[in-house]
């Protein structure tokens, strides 16, 4: 992926402020919410609720930026653009954006798992 996967300097800053244990809890919470938000996004798409899907993508982008998850945030922002009804992107662009988000989420979860001593979450 061209985008930096994780901003380690930002994660180190979080660790310096919160300490190792609380950072591990924050990372675990982020990973759980990432999986939940991705499930919400897919459920919204299943209902043809583009606004709901865009809201889920926005939530993913914001949470990812807070933890230093640059690649996930970038993929989620791209998905938001594709979901904008004014963009007229089509199904192919949507499929590509979802695959990018899935790949970024899987790579980020694998990279962050050691920080929280947790197992990488399965793809949603």
PDB file of N, CA and C in Angstrom:
ATOM      1  N   UNK A   1       0.831  -1.179   0.000  1.00  0.00           N
ATOM      2  CA  UNK A   1       0.000   0.000   0.000  1.00  0.00           C
ATOM      3  C   UNK A   1       0.878   1.247   0.000  1.00  0.00           C
ATOM      4  N   UNK A   2       0.571   2.230  -0.818  1.00  0.00           N
ATOM      5  CA  UNK A   2       1.379   3.433  -0.916  1.00  0.00           C
ATOM      6  C   UNK A   2       1.252   4.275   0.351  1.00  0.00           C
ATOM      7  N   UNK A   3       0.077   4.342   0.913  1.00  0.00           N
ATOM      8  CA  UNK A   3      -0.181   5.100   2.130  1.00  0.00           C
ATOM      9  C   UNK A   3       0.533   4.440   3.305  1.00  0.00           C
ATOM     10  N   UNK A   4       1.127   5.266   4.186  1.00  0.00           N
ATOM     11  CA  UNK A   4       1.738   4.736   5.401  1.00  0.00           C
ATOM     12  C   UNK A   4       0.663   3.998   6.188  1.00  0.00           C
ATOM     13  N   UNK A   5       0.957   2.771   6.584  1.00  0.00           N
ATOM     14  CA  UNK A   5      -0.027   1.941   7.278  1.00  0.00           C
ATOM     15  C   UNK A   5      -0.423   2.550   8.612  1.00  0.00           C
ATOM     16  N   UNK A   6       0.552   2.770   9.475  1.00  0.00           N
ATOM     17  CA  UNK A   6       0.302   3.315  10.807  1.00  0.00           C
ATOM     18  C   UNK A   6       1.313   4.410  11.081  1.00  0.00           C
ATOM     19  N   UNK A   7       0.844   5.496  11.637  1.00  0.00           N
ATOM     20  CA  UNK A   7       1.730   6.576  12.068  1.00  0.00           C
ATOM     21  C   UNK A   7       2.271   6.175  13.438  1.00  0.00           C
ATOM     22  N   UNK A   8       3.441   5.542  13.430  1.00  0.00           N
ATOM     23  CA  UNK A   8       4.014   5.035  14.672  1.00  0.00           C
ATOM     24  C   UNK A   8       4.381   6.154  15.636  1.00  0.00           C
ATOM     25  N   UNK A   9       4.745   7.313  15.117  1.00  0.00           N
ATOM     26  CA  UNK A   9       5.047   8.447  15.997  1.00  0.00           C
ATOM     27  C   UNK A   9       3.795   8.850  16.778  1.00  0.00           C
ATOM     28  N   UNK A  10       2.647   8.858  16.113  1.00  0.00           N
ATOM     29  CA  UNK A  10       1.402   9.195  16.796  1.00  0.00           C
ATOM     30  C   UNK A  10       1.062   8.132  17.835  1.00  0.00           C
ATOM     31  N   UNK A  11       1.229   6.869  17.485  1.00  0.00           N
ATOM     32  CA  UNK A  11       0.966   5.787  18.437  1.00  0.00           C
ATOM     33  C   UNK A  11       1.924   5.872  19.623  1.00  0.00           C
ATOM     34  N   UNK A  12       3.170   6.231  19.368  1.00  0.00           N
ATOM     35  CA  UNK A  12       4.138   6.406  20.460  1.00  0.00           C
ATOM     36  C   UNK A  12       3.754   7.565  21.373  1.00  0.00           C
ATOM     37  N   UNK A  13       3.209   8.638  20.788  1.00  0.00           N
ATOM     38  CA  UNK A  13       2.738   9.768  21.599  1.00  0.00           C
ATOM     39  C   UNK A  13       1.586   9.335  22.497  1.00  0.00           C
ATOM     40  N   UNK A  14       0.676   8.565  21.942  1.00  0.00           N
ATOM     41  CA  UNK A  14      -0.448   8.048  22.734  1.00  0.00           C
ATOM     42  C   UNK A  14       0.091   7.193  23.878  1.00  0.00           C
ATOM     43  N   UNK A  15       1.037   6.336  23.562  1.00  0.00           N
ATOM     44  CA  UNK A  15       1.646   5.455  24.566  1.00  0.00           C
ATOM     45  C   UNK A  15       2.337   6.277  25.664  1.00  0.00           C
ATOM     46  N   UNK A  16       3.015   7.359  25.282  1.00  0.00           N
ATOM     47  CA  UNK A  16       3.713   8.202  26.254  1.00  0.00           C
ATOM     48  C   UNK A  16       2.734   8.873  27.214  1.00  0.00           C
ATOM     49  N   UNK A  17       1.563   9.234  26.722  1.00  0.00           N
ATOM     50  CA  UNK A  17       0.559   9.903  27.555  1.00  0.00           C
ATOM     51  C   UNK A  17      -0.231   8.894  28.392  1.00  0.00           C
ATOM     52  N   UNK A  18      -0.671   7.819  27.764  1.00  0.00           N
ATOM     53  CA  UNK A  18      -1.567   6.874  28.438  1.00  0.00           C
ATOM     54  C   UNK A  18      -0.856   5.742  29.163  1.00  0.00           C
ATOM     55  N   UNK A  19       0.352   5.444  28.749  1.00  0.00           N
ATOM     56  CA  UNK A  19       1.041   4.283  29.287  1.00  0.00           C
ATOM     57  C   UNK A  19       0.717   3.054  28.451  1.00  0.00           C
ATOM     58  N   UNK A  20       1.492   2.020  28.662  1.00  0.00           N
ATOM     59  CA  UNK A  20       1.383   0.808  27.856  1.00  0.00           C
ATOM     60  C   UNK A  20       0.029   0.110  28.003  1.00  0.00           C
ATOM     61  N   UNK A  21      -0.424  -0.047  29.233  1.00  0.00           N
ATOM     62  CA  UNK A  21      -1.671  -0.800  29.478  1.00  0.00           C
ATOM     63  C   UNK A  21      -2.893  -0.090  28.901  1.00  0.00           C
ATOM     64  N   UNK A  22      -2.991   1.197  29.136  1.00  0.00           N
ATOM     65  CA  UNK A  22      -4.152   1.928  28.615  1.00  0.00           C
ATOM     66  C   UNK A  22      -4.096   2.046  27.092  1.00  0.00           C
ATOM     67  N   UNK A  23      -2.893   2.151  26.542  1.00  0.00           N
ATOM     68  CA  UNK A  23      -2.755   2.173  25.083  1.00  0.00           C
ATOM     69  C   UNK A  23      -3.209   0.841  24.506  1.00  0.00           C
ATOM     70  N   UNK A  24      -2.829  -0.254  25.156  1.00  0.00           N
ATOM     71  CA  UNK A  24      -3.263  -1.579  24.691  1.00  0.00           C
ATOM     72  C   UNK A  24      -4.787  -1.667  24.707  1.00  0.00           C
ATOM     73  N   UNK A  25      -5.419  -1.136  25.729  1.00  0.00           N
ATOM     74  CA  UNK A  25      -6.877  -1.122  25.795  1.00  0.00           C
ATOM     75  C   UNK A  25      -7.491  -0.272  24.701  1.00  0.00           C
ATOM     76  N   UNK A  26      -6.880   0.871  24.427  1.00  0.00           N
ATOM     77  CA  UNK A  26      -7.378   1.755  23.375  1.00  0.00           C
ATOM     78  C   UNK A  26      -7.264   1.083  22.009  1.00  0.00           C
ATOM     79  N   UNK A  27      -6.135   0.432  21.766  1.00  0.00           N
ATOM     80  CA  UNK A  27      -5.946  -0.263  20.488  1.00  0.00           C
ATOM     81  C   UNK A  27      -6.952  -1.398  20.352  1.00  0.00           C
ATOM     82  N   UNK A  28      -7.170  -2.151  21.423  1.00  0.00           N
ATOM     83  CA  UNK A  28      -8.156  -3.240  21.388  1.00  0.00           C
ATOM     84  C   UNK A  28      -9.553  -2.690  21.101  1.00  0.00           C
ATOM     85  N   UNK A  29      -9.896  -1.569  21.726  1.00  0.00           N
ATOM     86  CA  UNK A  29     -11.195  -0.948  21.479  1.00  0.00           C
ATOM     87  C   UNK A  29     -11.305  -0.485  20.028  1.00  0.00           C
ATOM     88  N   UNK A  30     -10.245   0.130  19.515  1.00  0.00           N
ATOM     89  CA  UNK A  30     -10.249   0.572  18.118  1.00  0.00           C
ATOM     90  C   UNK A  30     -10.486  -0.606  17.181  1.00  0.00           C
ATOM     91  N   UNK A  31      -9.763  -1.698  17.392  1.00  0.00           N
ATOM     92  CA  UNK A  31      -9.906  -2.863  16.515  1.00  0.00           C
ATOM     93  C   UNK A  31     -11.310  -3.447  16.573  1.00  0.00           C
ATOM     94  N   UNK A  32     -11.899  -3.480  17.755  1.00  0.00           N
ATOM     95  CA  UNK A  32     -13.273  -3.983  17.890  1.00  0.00           C
ATOM     96  C   UNK A  32     -14.259  -3.054  17.184  1.00  0.00           C
ATOM     97  N   UNK A  33     -14.078  -1.754  17.364  1.00  0.00           N
ATOM     98  CA  UNK A  33     -14.968  -0.785  16.717  1.00  0.00           C
ATOM     99  C   UNK A  33     -14.784  -0.788  15.199  1.00  0.00           C
ATOM    100  N   UNK A  34     -13.562  -0.990  14.752  1.00  0.00           N
ATOM    101  CA  UNK A  34     -13.309  -1.075  13.315  1.00  0.00           C
ATOM    102  C   UNK A  34     -14.098  -2.227  12.708  1.00  0.00           C
ATOM    103  N   UNK A  35     -14.074  -3.361  13.355  1.00  0.00           N
ATOM    104  CA  UNK A  35     -14.840  -4.511  12.864  1.00  0.00           C
ATOM    105  C   UNK A  35     -16.337  -4.218  12.895  1.00  0.00           C
ATOM    106  N   UNK A  36     -16.803  -3.605  13.962  1.00  0.00           N
ATOM    107  CA  UNK A  36     -18.230  -3.283  14.090  1.00  0.00           C
ATOM    108  C   UNK A  36     -18.668  -2.257  13.042  1.00  0.00           C
ATOM    109  N   UNK A  37     -17.865  -1.217  12.857  1.00  0.00           N
ATOM    110  CA  UNK A  37     -18.208  -0.182  11.870  1.00  0.00           C
ATOM    111  C   UNK A  37     -18.195  -0.743  10.450  1.00  0.00           C
ATOM    112  N   UNK A  38     -17.260  -1.650  10.169  1.00  0.00           N
ATOM    113  CA  UNK A  38     -17.235  -2.271   8.839  1.00  0.00           C
ATOM    114  C   UNK A  38     -18.477  -3.135   8.628  1.00  0.00           C
ATOM    115  N   UNK A  39     -18.930  -3.817   9.669  1.00  0.00           N
ATOM    116  CA  UNK A  39     -20.169  -4.601   9.572  1.00  0.00           C
ATOM    117  C   UNK A  39     -21.366  -3.672   9.361  1.00  0.00           C
ATOM    118  N   UNK A  40     -21.390  -2.546  10.075  1.00  0.00           N
ATOM    119  CA  UNK A  40     -22.470  -1.562   9.899  1.00  0.00           C
ATOM    120  C   UNK A  40     -22.467  -1.007   8.477  1.00  0.00           C
ATOM    121  N   UNK A  41     -21.289  -0.755   7.943  1.00  0.00           N
ATOM    122  CA  UNK A  41     -21.163  -0.245   6.584  1.00  0.00           C
ATOM    123  C   UNK A  41     -21.765  -1.231   5.582  1.00  0.00           C
ATOM    124  N   UNK A  42     -21.410  -2.497   5.730  1.00  0.00           N
ATOM    125  CA  UNK A  42     -21.935  -3.520   4.812  1.00  0.00           C
ATOM    126  C   UNK A  42     -23.450  -3.709   4.975  1.00  0.00           C
ATOM    127  N   UNK A  43     -23.927  -3.613   6.196  1.00  0.00           N
ATOM    128  CA  UNK A  43     -25.369  -3.723   6.427  1.00  0.00           C
ATOM    129  C   UNK A  43     -26.095  -2.554   5.752  1.00  0.00           C
ATOM    130  N   UNK A  44     -25.530  -1.363   5.864  1.00  0.00           N
ATOM    131  CA  UNK A  44     -26.140  -0.192   5.216  1.00  0.00           C
ATOM    132  C   UNK A  44     -26.150  -0.364   3.698  1.00  0.00           C
ATOM    133  N   UNK A  45     -25.052  -0.862   3.146  1.00  0.00           N
ATOM    134  CA  UNK A  45     -25.017  -1.102   1.699  1.00  0.00           C
ATOM    135  C   UNK A  45     -26.048  -2.154   1.304  1.00  0.00           C
ATOM    136  N   UNK A  46     -26.220  -3.161   2.139  1.00  0.00           N
ATOM    137  CA  UNK A  46     -27.223  -4.195   1.864  1.00  0.00           C
ATOM    138  C   UNK A  46     -28.632  -3.637   1.819  1.00  0.00           C
ATOM    139  N   UNK A  47     -28.861  -2.550   2.550  1.00  0.00           N
ATOM    140  CA  UNK A  47     -30.178  -1.891   2.553  1.00  0.00           C
ATOM    141  C   UNK A  47     -30.249  -0.782   1.503  1.00  0.00           C
ATOM    142  N   UNK A  48     -29.185  -0.631   0.719  1.00  0.00           N
ATOM    143  CA  UNK A  48     -29.075   0.470  -0.263  1.00  0.00           C
ATOM    144  C   UNK A  48     -29.142   1.831   0.427  1.00  0.00           C
ATOM    145  N   UNK A  49     -28.616   1.883   1.639  1.00  0.00           N
ATOM    146  CA  UNK A  49     -28.584   3.108   2.436  1.00  0.00           C
ATOM    147  C   UNK A  49     -27.204   3.750   2.280  1.00  0.00           C
ATOM    148  N   UNK A  50     -27.048   4.538   1.217  1.00  0.00           N
ATOM    149  CA  UNK A  50     -25.751   5.143   0.940  1.00  0.00           C
ATOM    150  C   UNK A  50     -25.350   6.149   2.008  1.00  0.00           C
ATOM    151  N   UNK A  51     -26.317   6.878   2.553  1.00  0.00           N
ATOM    152  CA  UNK A  51     -26.001   7.840   3.612  1.00  0.00           C
ATOM    153  C   UNK A  51     -25.505   7.114   4.865  1.00  0.00           C
ATOM    154  N   UNK A  52     -26.142   5.997   5.215  1.00  0.00           N
ATOM    155  CA  UNK A  52     -25.699   5.214   6.362  1.00  0.00           C
ATOM    156  C   UNK A  52     -24.324   4.623   6.144  1.00  0.00           C
ATOM    157  N   UNK A  53     -24.069   4.158   4.936  1.00  0.00           N
ATOM    158  CA  UNK A  53     -22.748   3.608   4.608  1.00  0.00           C
ATOM    159  C   UNK A  53     -21.689   4.703   4.669  1.00  0.00           C
ATOM    160  N   UNK A  54     -22.015   5.882   4.165  1.00  0.00           N
ATOM    161  CA  UNK A  54     -21.073   6.999   4.213  1.00  0.00           C
ATOM    162  C   UNK A  54     -20.798   7.414   5.662  1.00  0.00           C
ATOM    163  N   UNK A  55     -21.820   7.372   6.509  1.00  0.00           N
ATOM    164  CA  UNK A  55     -21.637   7.697   7.926  1.00  0.00           C
ATOM    165  C   UNK A  55     -20.714   6.686   8.598  1.00  0.00           C
ATOM    166  N   UNK A  56     -20.878   5.411   8.274  1.00  0.00           N
ATOM    167  CA  UNK A  56     -19.992   4.382   8.825  1.00  0.00           C
ATOM    168  C   UNK A  56     -18.560   4.586   8.342  1.00  0.00           C
ATOM    169  N   UNK A  57     -18.394   4.920   7.064  1.00  0.00           N
ATOM    170  CA  UNK A  57     -17.054   5.186   6.519  1.00  0.00           C
ATOM    171  C   UNK A  57     -16.436   6.393   7.211  1.00  0.00           C
ATOM    172  N   UNK A  58     -17.244   7.416   7.477  1.00  0.00           N
ATOM    173  CA  UNK A  58     -16.757   8.612   8.179  1.00  0.00           C
ATOM    174  C   UNK A  58     -16.298   8.250   9.590  1.00  0.00           C
ATOM    175  N   UNK A  59     -17.049   7.420  10.270  1.00  0.00           N
ATOM    176  CA  UNK A  59     -16.694   6.967  11.615  1.00  0.00           C
ATOM    177  C   UNK A  59     -15.372   6.196  11.597  1.00  0.00           C
ATOM    178  N   UNK A  60     -15.223   5.322  10.606  1.00  0.00           N
ATOM    179  CA  UNK A  60     -13.978   4.548  10.455  1.00  0.00           C
ATOM    180  C   UNK A  60     -12.801   5.488  10.226  1.00  0.00           C
ATOM    181  N   UNK A  61     -12.973   6.468   9.353  1.00  0.00           N
ATOM    182  CA  UNK A  61     -11.887   7.401   9.050  1.00  0.00           C
ATOM    183  C   UNK A  61     -11.480   8.185  10.297  1.00  0.00           C
ATOM    184  N   UNK A  62     -12.451   8.701  11.030  1.00  0.00           N
ATOM    185  CA  UNK A  62     -12.145   9.498  12.220  1.00  0.00           C
ATOM    186  C   UNK A  62     -11.450   8.691  13.303  1.00  0.00           C
ATOM    187  N   UNK A  63     -11.980   7.523  13.600  1.00  0.00           N
ATOM    188  CA  UNK A  63     -11.367   6.680  14.630  1.00  0.00           C
ATOM    189  C   UNK A  63      -9.958   6.267  14.218  1.00  0.00           C
ATOM    190  N   UNK A  64      -9.777   5.975  12.950  1.00  0.00           N
ATOM    191  CA  UNK A  64      -8.464   5.549  12.465  1.00  0.00           C
ATOM    192  C   UNK A  64      -7.446   6.674  12.575  1.00  0.00           C
ATOM    193  N   UNK A  65      -7.845   7.884  12.234  1.00  0.00           N
ATOM    194  CA  UNK A  65      -6.926   9.021  12.353  1.00  0.00           C
ATOM    195  C   UNK A  65      -6.543   9.256  13.808  1.00  0.00           C
ATOM    196  N   UNK A  66      -7.473   9.026  14.728  1.00  0.00           N
ATOM    197  CA  UNK A  66      -7.177   9.227  16.151  1.00  0.00           C
ATOM    198  C   UNK A  66      -6.124   8.263  16.668  1.00  0.00           C
ATOM    199  N   UNK A  67      -6.042   7.078  16.111  1.00  0.00           N
ATOM    200  CA  UNK A  67      -5.103   6.059  16.589  1.00  0.00           C
ATOM    201  C   UNK A  67      -3.844   5.999  15.726  1.00  0.00           C
ATOM    202  N   UNK A  68      -3.827   6.732  14.619  1.00  0.00           N
ATOM    203  CA  UNK A  68      -2.668   6.713  13.729  1.00  0.00           C
ATOM    204  C   UNK A  68      -2.810   5.748  12.571  1.00  0.00           C
ATOM    205  N   UNK A  69      -4.013   5.238  12.347  1.00  0.00           N
ATOM    206  CA  UNK A  69      -4.261   4.288  11.260  1.00  0.00           C
ATOM    207  C   UNK A  69      -4.463   5.004   9.940  1.00  0.00           C
ATOM    208  N   UNK A  70      -3.375   5.442   9.355  1.00  0.00           N
ATOM    209  CA  UNK A  70      -3.456   6.275   8.148  1.00  0.00           C
ATOM    210  C   UNK A  70      -4.036   5.546   6.939  1.00  0.00           C
ATOM    211  N   UNK A  71      -3.629   4.310   6.711  1.00  0.00           N
ATOM    212  CA  UNK A  71      -4.101   3.599   5.519  1.00  0.00           C
ATOM    213  C   UNK A  71      -5.604   3.341   5.594  1.00  0.00           C
ATOM    214  N   UNK A  72      -6.097   2.962   6.766  1.00  0.00           N
ATOM    215  CA  UNK A  72      -7.539   2.732   6.922  1.00  0.00           C
ATOM    216  C   UNK A  72      -8.284   4.045   6.745  1.00  0.00           C
ATOM    217  N   UNK A  73      -7.779   5.112   7.338  1.00  0.00           N
ATOM    218  CA  UNK A  73      -8.434   6.415   7.196  1.00  0.00           C
ATOM    219  C   UNK A  73      -8.491   6.841   5.737  1.00  0.00           C
ATOM    220  N   UNK A  74      -7.404   6.657   5.026  1.00  0.00           N
ATOM    221  CA  UNK A  74      -7.367   7.028   3.614  1.00  0.00           C
ATOM    222  C   UNK A  74      -8.365   6.209   2.799  1.00  0.00           C
ATOM    223  N   UNK A  75      -8.401   4.911   3.048  1.00  0.00           N
ATOM    224  CA  UNK A  75      -9.343   4.042   2.327  1.00  0.00           C
ATOM    225  C   UNK A  75     -10.789   4.399   2.668  1.00  0.00           C
ATOM    226  N   UNK A  76     -11.050   4.722   3.926  1.00  0.00           N
ATOM    227  CA  UNK A  76     -12.410   5.089   4.339  1.00  0.00           C
ATOM    228  C   UNK A  76     -12.827   6.423   3.708  1.00  0.00           C
ATOM    229  N   UNK A  77     -11.905   7.367   3.627  1.00  0.00           N
ATOM    230  CA  UNK A  77     -12.226   8.650   2.977  1.00  0.00           C
ATOM    231  C   UNK A  77     -12.515   8.445   1.492  1.00  0.00           C
ATOM    232  N   UNK A  78     -11.749   7.559   0.851  1.00  0.00           N
ATOM    233  CA  UNK A  78     -12.001   7.255  -0.564  1.00  0.00           C
ATOM    234  C   UNK A  78     -13.390   6.645  -0.720  1.00  0.00           C
ATOM    235  N   UNK A  79     -13.741   5.755   0.180  1.00  0.00           N
ATOM    236  CA  UNK A  79     -15.066   5.139   0.138  1.00  0.00           C
ATOM    237  C   UNK A  79     -16.150   6.195   0.315  1.00  0.00           C
ATOM    238  N   UNK A  80     -15.938   7.141   1.207  1.00  0.00           N
ATOM    239  CA  UNK A  80     -16.900   8.231   1.380  1.00  0.00           C
ATOM    240  C   UNK A  80     -17.107   8.988   0.073  1.00  0.00           C
ATOM    241  N   UNK A  81     -16.030   9.248  -0.633  1.00  0.00           N
ATOM    242  CA  UNK A  81     -16.148   9.966  -1.907  1.00  0.00           C
ATOM    243  C   UNK A  81     -16.931   9.150  -2.923  1.00  0.00           C
ATOM    244  N   UNK A  82     -16.672   7.851  -2.969  1.00  0.00           N
ATOM    245  CA  UNK A  82     -17.386   6.980  -3.910  1.00  0.00           C
ATOM    246  C   UNK A  82     -18.871   6.937  -3.563  1.00  0.00           C
ATOM    247  N   UNK A  83     -19.181   6.974  -2.279  1.00  0.00           N
ATOM    248  CA  UNK A  83     -20.583   6.890  -1.843  1.00  0.00           C
ATOM    249  C   UNK A  83     -21.350   8.195  -2.026  1.00  0.00           C
ATOM    250  N   UNK A  84     -20.654   9.276  -2.310  1.00  0.00           N
ATOM    251  CA  UNK A  84     -21.317  10.564  -2.526  1.00  0.00           C
ATOM    252  C   UNK A  84     -22.168  10.461  -3.793  1.00  0.00           C
ATOM    253  N   UNK A  85     -23.479  10.640  -3.673  1.00  0.00           N
ATOM    254  CA  UNK A  85     -24.354  10.475  -4.844  1.00  0.00           C
ATOM    255  C   UNK A  85     -24.024  11.439  -5.985  1.00  0.00           C
ATOM    256  N   UNK A  86     -23.379  12.553  -5.689  1.00  0.00           N
ATOM    257  CA  UNK A  86     -23.009  13.504  -6.736  1.00  0.00           C
ATOM    258  C   UNK A  86     -21.822  13.013  -7.551  1.00  0.00           C
ATOM    259  N   UNK A  87     -21.094  12.015  -7.017  1.00  0.00           N
ATOM    260  CA  UNK A  87     -19.877  11.543  -7.682  1.00  0.00           C
ATOM    261  C   UNK A  87     -20.179  10.613  -8.852  1.00  0.00           C
ATOM    262  N   UNK A  88     -21.310   9.940  -8.819  1.00  0.00           N
ATOM    263  CA  UNK A  88     -21.698   9.018  -9.893  1.00  0.00           C
ATOM    264  C   UNK A  88     -20.568   8.028 -10.220  1.00  0.00           C
ATOM    265  N   UNK A  89     -20.028   7.384  -9.181  1.00  0.00           N
ATOM    266  CA  UNK A  89     -18.878   6.501  -9.351  1.00  0.00           C
ATOM    267  C   UNK A  89     -19.259   5.121  -9.882  1.00  0.00           C
ATOM    268  N   UNK A  90     -20.361   4.567  -9.464  1.00  0.00           N
ATOM    269  CA  UNK A  90     -20.786   3.267  -9.962  1.00  0.00           C
ATOM    270  C   UNK A  90     -20.312   2.104  -9.110  1.00  0.00           C
ATOM    271  N   UNK A  91     -20.806   0.926  -9.468  1.00  0.00           N
ATOM    272  CA  UNK A  91     -20.554  -0.290  -8.698  1.00  0.00           C
ATOM    273  C   UNK A  91     -19.092  -0.710  -8.718  1.00  0.00           C
ATOM    274  N   UNK A  92     -18.422  -0.539  -9.833  1.00  0.00           N
ATOM    275  CA  UNK A  92     -17.018  -0.946  -9.924  1.00  0.00           C
ATOM    276  C   UNK A  92     -16.166  -0.140  -8.956  1.00  0.00           C
ATOM    277  N   UNK A  93     -16.375   1.157  -8.904  1.00  0.00           N
ATOM    278  CA  UNK A  93     -15.623   2.015  -7.986  1.00  0.00           C
ATOM    279  C   UNK A  93     -15.946   1.662  -6.534  1.00  0.00           C
ATOM    280  N   UNK A  94     -17.208   1.370  -6.254  1.00  0.00           N
ATOM    281  CA  UNK A  94     -17.605   0.972  -4.906  1.00  0.00           C
ATOM    282  C   UNK A  94     -16.917  -0.331  -4.509  1.00  0.00           C
ATOM    283  N   UNK A  95     -16.934  -1.291  -5.398  1.00  0.00           N
ATOM    284  CA  UNK A  95     -16.290  -2.577  -5.127  1.00  0.00           C
ATOM    285  C   UNK A  95     -14.791  -2.376  -4.859  1.00  0.00           C
ATOM    286  N   UNK A  96     -14.135  -1.578  -5.677  1.00  0.00           N
ATOM    287  CA  UNK A  96     -12.710  -1.313  -5.499  1.00  0.00           C
ATOM    288  C   UNK A  96     -12.449  -0.620  -4.150  1.00  0.00           C
ATOM    289  N   UNK A  97     -13.256   0.370  -3.816  1.00  0.00           N
ATOM    290  CA  UNK A  97     -13.071   1.099  -2.555  1.00  0.00           C
ATOM    291  C   UNK A  97     -13.278   0.180  -1.347  1.00  0.00           C
ATOM    292  N   UNK A  98     -14.264  -0.703  -1.425  1.00  0.00           N
ATOM    293  CA  UNK A  98     -14.482  -1.661  -0.337  1.00  0.00           C
ATOM    294  C   UNK A  98     -13.297  -2.613  -0.191  1.00  0.00           C
ATOM    295  N   UNK A  99     -12.761  -3.080  -1.310  1.00  0.00           N
ATOM    296  CA  UNK A  99     -11.595  -3.969  -1.254  1.00  0.00           C
ATOM    297  C   UNK A  99     -10.390  -3.253  -0.661  1.00  0.00           C
ATOM    298  N   UNK A 100     -10.213  -1.993  -1.003  1.00  0.00           N
ATOM    299  CA  UNK A 100      -9.108  -1.209  -0.434  1.00  0.00           C
ATOM    300  C   UNK A 100      -9.273  -1.066   1.079  1.00  0.00           C
ATOM    301  N   UNK A 101     -10.496  -0.785   1.509  1.00  0.00           N
ATOM    302  CA  UNK A 101     -10.757  -0.653   2.943  1.00  0.00           C
ATOM    303  C   UNK A 101     -10.507  -1.983   3.649  1.00  0.00           C
ATOM    304  N   UNK A 102     -10.994  -3.071   3.076  1.00  0.00           N
ATOM    305  CA  UNK A 102     -10.791  -4.391   3.683  1.00  0.00           C
ATOM    306  C   UNK A 102      -9.307  -4.722   3.814  1.00  0.00           C
ATOM    307  N   UNK A 103      -8.538  -4.443   2.771  1.00  0.00           N
ATOM    308  CA  UNK A 103      -7.102  -4.735   2.798  1.00  0.00           C
ATOM    309  C   UNK A 103      -6.395  -3.876   3.847  1.00  0.00           C
ATOM    310  N   UNK A 104      -6.721  -2.593   3.882  1.00  0.00           N
ATOM    311  CA  UNK A 104      -6.093  -1.698   4.856  1.00  0.00           C
ATOM    312  C   UNK A 104      -6.465  -2.101   6.280  1.00  0.00           C
ATOM    313  N   UNK A 105      -7.729  -2.474   6.493  1.00  0.00           N
ATOM    314  CA  UNK A 105      -8.178  -2.883   7.826  1.00  0.00           C
ATOM    315  C   UNK A 105      -7.464  -4.158   8.275  1.00  0.00           C
ATOM    316  N   UNK A 106      -7.333  -5.122   7.375  1.00  0.00           N
ATOM    317  CA  UNK A 106      -6.665  -6.375   7.729  1.00  0.00           C
ATOM    318  C   UNK A 106      -5.189  -6.142   8.049  1.00  0.00           C
ATOM    319  N   UNK A 107      -4.512  -5.352   7.234  1.00  0.00           N
ATOM    320  CA  UNK A 107      -3.092  -5.069   7.476  1.00  0.00           C
ATOM    321  C   UNK A 107      -2.902  -4.292   8.776  1.00  0.00           C
ATOM    322  N   UNK A 108      -3.772  -3.328   9.010  1.00  0.00           N
ATOM    323  CA  UNK A 108      -3.671  -2.520  10.226  1.00  0.00           C
ATOM    324  C   UNK A 108      -3.947  -3.365  11.462  1.00  0.00           C
ATOM    325  N   UNK A 109      -4.964  -4.216  11.403  1.00  0.00           N
ATOM    326  CA  UNK A 109      -5.278  -5.080  12.543  1.00  0.00           C
ATOM    327  C   UNK A 109      -4.105  -6.004  12.854  1.00  0.00           C
ATOM    328  N   UNK A 110      -3.493  -6.556  11.835  1.00  0.00           N
ATOM    329  CA  UNK A 110      -2.328  -7.429  12.043  1.00  0.00           C
ATOM    330  C   UNK A 110      -1.162  -6.659  12.647  1.00  0.00           C
ATOM    331  N   UNK A 111      -0.952  -5.447  12.182  1.00  0.00           N
ATOM    332  CA  UNK A 111       0.162  -4.642  12.681  1.00  0.00           C
ATOM    333  C   UNK A 111      -0.073  -4.157  14.115  1.00  0.00           C
ATOM    334  N   UNK A 112      -1.322  -3.869  14.460  1.00  0.00           N
ATOM    335  CA  UNK A 112      -1.627  -3.349  15.795  1.00  0.00           C
ATOM    336  C   UNK A 112      -1.853  -4.443  16.837  1.00  0.00           C
ATOM    337  N   UNK A 113      -2.133  -5.649  16.412  1.00  0.00           N
ATOM    338  CA  UNK A 113      -2.435  -6.731  17.359  1.00  0.00           C
ATOM    339  C   UNK A 113      -1.371  -6.887  18.442  1.00  0.00           C
ATOM    340  N   UNK A 114      -0.072  -6.835  18.121  1.00  0.00           N
ATOM    341  CA  UNK A 114       0.913  -6.962  19.189  1.00  0.00           C
ATOM    342  C   UNK A 114       0.843  -5.831  20.227  1.00  0.00           C
ATOM    343  N   UNK A 115       0.387  -4.646  19.799  1.00  0.00           N
ATOM    344  CA  UNK A 115       0.309  -3.514  20.723  1.00  0.00           C
ATOM    345  C   UNK A 115      -0.747  -3.728  21.807  1.00  0.00           C
ATOM    346  N   UNK A 116      -1.731  -4.561  21.531  1.00  0.00           N
ATOM    347  CA  UNK A 116      -2.780  -4.808  22.517  1.00  0.00           C
ATOM    348  C   UNK A 116      -2.777  -6.249  23.001  1.00  0.00           C
ATOM    349  N   UNK A 117      -1.770  -7.010  22.607  1.00  0.00           N
ATOM    350  CA  UNK A 117      -1.685  -8.429  22.956  1.00  0.00           C
ATOM    351  C   UNK A 117      -3.002  -9.138  22.630  1.00  0.00           C
ATOM    352  N   UNK A 118      -3.547  -8.841  21.440  1.00  0.00           N
ATOM    353  CA  UNK A 118      -4.799  -9.457  21.032  1.00  0.00           C
ATOM    354  C   UNK A 118      -4.625 -10.075  19.648  1.00  0.00           C
ATOM    355  N   UNK A 119      -5.523 -10.951  19.324  1.00  0.00           N
ATOM    356  CA  UNK A 119      -5.492 -11.607  18.021  1.00  0.00           C
ATOM    357  C   UNK A 119      -6.035 -10.652  16.976  1.00  0.00           C
ATOM    358  N   UNK A 120      -5.440 -10.662  15.774  1.00  0.00           N
ATOM    359  CA  UNK A 120      -6.015  -9.852  14.693  1.00  0.00           C
ATOM    360  C   UNK A 120      -7.454 -10.283  14.429  1.00  0.00           C
ATOM    361  N   UNK A 121      -8.319  -9.314  14.220  1.00  0.00           N
ATOM    362  CA  UNK A 121      -9.722  -9.619  13.992  1.00  0.00           C
ATOM    363  C   UNK A 121      -9.934 -10.125  12.579  1.00  0.00           C
ATOM    364  N   UNK A 122     -10.860 -11.033  12.438  1.00  0.00           N
ATOM    365  CA  UNK A 122     -11.198 -11.568  11.117  1.00  0.00           C
ATOM    366  C   UNK A 122     -11.843 -10.470  10.288  1.00  0.00           C
ATOM    367  N   UNK A 123     -11.718 -10.596   8.985  1.00  0.00           N
ATOM    368  CA  UNK A 123     -12.336  -9.623   8.080  1.00  0.00           C
ATOM    369  C   UNK A 123     -13.837  -9.665   8.246  1.00  0.00           C
ATOM    370  N   UNK A 124     -14.451  -8.492   8.195  1.00  0.00           N
ATOM    371  CA  UNK A 124     -15.912  -8.399   8.321  1.00  0.00           C
ATOM    372  C   UNK A 124     -16.547  -8.704   7.003  1.00  0.00           C
TER     373      UNK A 124
END
